[in-house]
């Protein structure tokens, strides 16, 4: 459970930075403005899906 929690916190930190509009470099790409916010929302959606998945286990 500890590793899952750490990974979720890591994803939340990334999503938070992106939702603020960046700039954030991730996997060799730099995201700023609306593009950053869109990526941030995709990560938030991923966090939700993972939450549902792990609750089911």
C-alpha atoms as a PDB file:
ATOM      1  CA  UNK A   1       0.000   0.000   0.000  1.00  0.00           C
ATOM      2  CA  UNK A   2       2.876   2.380   0.730  1.00  0.00           C
ATOM      3  CA  UNK A   3       4.178   2.222  -2.865  1.00  0.00           C
ATOM      4  CA  UNK A   4       0.692   2.920  -4.236  1.00  0.00           C
ATOM      5  CA  UNK A   5       0.319   5.942  -1.960  1.00  0.00           C
ATOM      6  CA  UNK A   6       3.740   7.315  -2.919  1.00  0.00           C
ATOM      7  CA  UNK A   7       2.930   6.929  -6.614  1.00  0.00           C
ATOM      8  CA  UNK A   8      -0.395   8.712  -6.147  1.00  0.00           C
ATOM      9  CA  UNK A   9       1.303  11.611  -4.352  1.00  0.00           C
ATOM     10  CA  UNK A  10       3.857  11.814  -7.170  1.00  0.00           C
ATOM     11  CA  UNK A  11       1.087  11.938  -9.795  1.00  0.00           C
ATOM     12  CA  UNK A  12      -0.827  14.559  -7.787  1.00  0.00           C
ATOM     13  CA  UNK A  13       2.284  16.759  -7.605  1.00  0.00           C
ATOM     14  CA  UNK A  14       2.739  16.559 -11.374  1.00  0.00           C
ATOM     15  CA  UNK A  15      -0.960  17.199 -12.044  1.00  0.00           C
ATOM     16  CA  UNK A  16      -0.945  20.183  -9.684  1.00  0.00           C
ATOM     17  CA  UNK A  17       1.995  21.780 -11.445  1.00  0.00           C
ATOM     18  CA  UNK A  18       0.373  21.251 -14.825  1.00  0.00           C
ATOM     19  CA  UNK A  19      -3.032  22.564 -13.717  1.00  0.00           C
ATOM     20  CA  UNK A  20      -1.336  25.783 -12.631  1.00  0.00           C
ATOM     21  CA  UNK A  21      -0.277  26.254 -16.240  1.00  0.00           C
ATOM     22  CA  UNK A  22       3.286  24.993 -16.045  1.00  0.00           C
ATOM     23  CA  UNK A  23       5.874  25.276 -17.316  1.00  0.00           C
ATOM     24  CA  UNK A  24       6.762  21.676 -16.614  1.00  0.00           C
ATOM     25  CA  UNK A  25       9.152  19.439 -18.489  1.00  0.00           C
ATOM     26  CA  UNK A  26       7.918  15.865 -18.634  1.00  0.00           C
ATOM     27  CA  UNK A  27       9.392  13.076 -20.745  1.00  0.00           C
ATOM     28  CA  UNK A  28      11.353  15.533 -22.864  1.00  0.00           C
ATOM     29  CA  UNK A  29       8.337  17.770 -23.585  1.00  0.00           C
ATOM     30  CA  UNK A  30       7.677  21.156 -22.028  1.00  0.00           C
ATOM     31  CA  UNK A  31       4.058  21.917 -21.235  1.00  0.00           C
ATOM     32  CA  UNK A  32       2.774  25.467 -20.643  1.00  0.00           C
ATOM     33  CA  UNK A  33      -0.573  27.245 -20.565  1.00  0.00           C
ATOM     34  CA  UNK A  34      -3.668  25.465 -21.858  1.00  0.00           C
ATOM     35  CA  UNK A  35      -1.624  22.504 -23.065  1.00  0.00           C
ATOM     36  CA  UNK A  36      -0.313  22.028 -19.515  1.00  0.00           C
ATOM     37  CA  UNK A  37      -3.815  22.262 -18.038  1.00  0.00           C
ATOM     38  CA  UNK A  38      -5.112  19.666 -20.508  1.00  0.00           C
ATOM     39  CA  UNK A  39      -2.289  17.259 -19.574  1.00  0.00           C
ATOM     40  CA  UNK A  40      -2.975  17.941 -15.891  1.00  0.00           C
ATOM     41  CA  UNK A  41      -6.617  16.942 -16.334  1.00  0.00           C
ATOM     42  CA  UNK A  42      -5.537  13.752 -18.099  1.00  0.00           C
ATOM     43  CA  UNK A  43      -3.371  12.879 -15.105  1.00  0.00           C
ATOM     44  CA  UNK A  44      -6.246  13.651 -12.709  1.00  0.00           C
ATOM     45  CA  UNK A  45      -8.420  11.252 -14.730  1.00  0.00           C
ATOM     46  CA  UNK A  46      -5.668   8.628 -14.481  1.00  0.00           C
ATOM     47  CA  UNK A  47      -5.512   9.088 -10.707  1.00  0.00           C
ATOM     48  CA  UNK A  48      -9.292   8.531 -10.507  1.00  0.00           C
ATOM     49  CA  UNK A  49      -9.118   5.364 -12.618  1.00  0.00           C
ATOM     50  CA  UNK A  50      -6.256   4.008 -10.525  1.00  0.00           C
ATOM     51  CA  UNK A  51      -8.195   4.804  -7.359  1.00  0.00           C
ATOM     52  CA  UNK A  52     -11.182   2.778  -8.554  1.00  0.00           C
ATOM     53  CA  UNK A  53      -8.904  -0.060  -9.670  1.00  0.00           C
ATOM     54  CA  UNK A  54      -7.071  -0.309  -6.340  1.00  0.00           C
ATOM     55  CA  UNK A  55     -10.266  -0.040  -4.283  1.00  0.00           C
ATOM     56  CA  UNK A  56     -11.544  -3.083  -6.124  1.00  0.00           C
ATOM     57  CA  UNK A  57      -8.514  -5.159  -5.108  1.00  0.00           C
END
